[in-house]
């Protein structure tokens, strides 16, 4: 658990994704990819109906979620450029420092949400972590 806590508390942006099962196993209230993208969409003023419309554009594709994330990234960038969304108000001071580094606005908004999640503390995870520590 110490290693997970170090990663969770580090100053680095998250790498997407180790796997939904891994994230859901160790983080309280970890949303699915779809829930996460819906949450970001809603936050920037894109309705669920608009989100599902974007999703329908690429519904037949096996790479649906990455392509949907790309569409959403473009929408966010357009809203930042035209002034209808203020990214500075949405991010912590720590994450604002990443804007000049050309980190995508979508990644920053997702990072902002994920930093608020808590690590699960339960007996099952504690036993699993001990086994992982013994392997290392």
Foldseek 3Di string as FASTA:
>chain_A
DVVVVCVLPDLDQDDPDPDPVVCPVWWPPDDDLVVLLQVVCVVLPHHPVNLVVLLVVCVVDPCRSVVSLVVVLVVVVVCCVVVVDPLVVQADPSLVVCVVVVDGSSSRNSSRVSSPIDTDDDPVVVVVVVVVVVVD
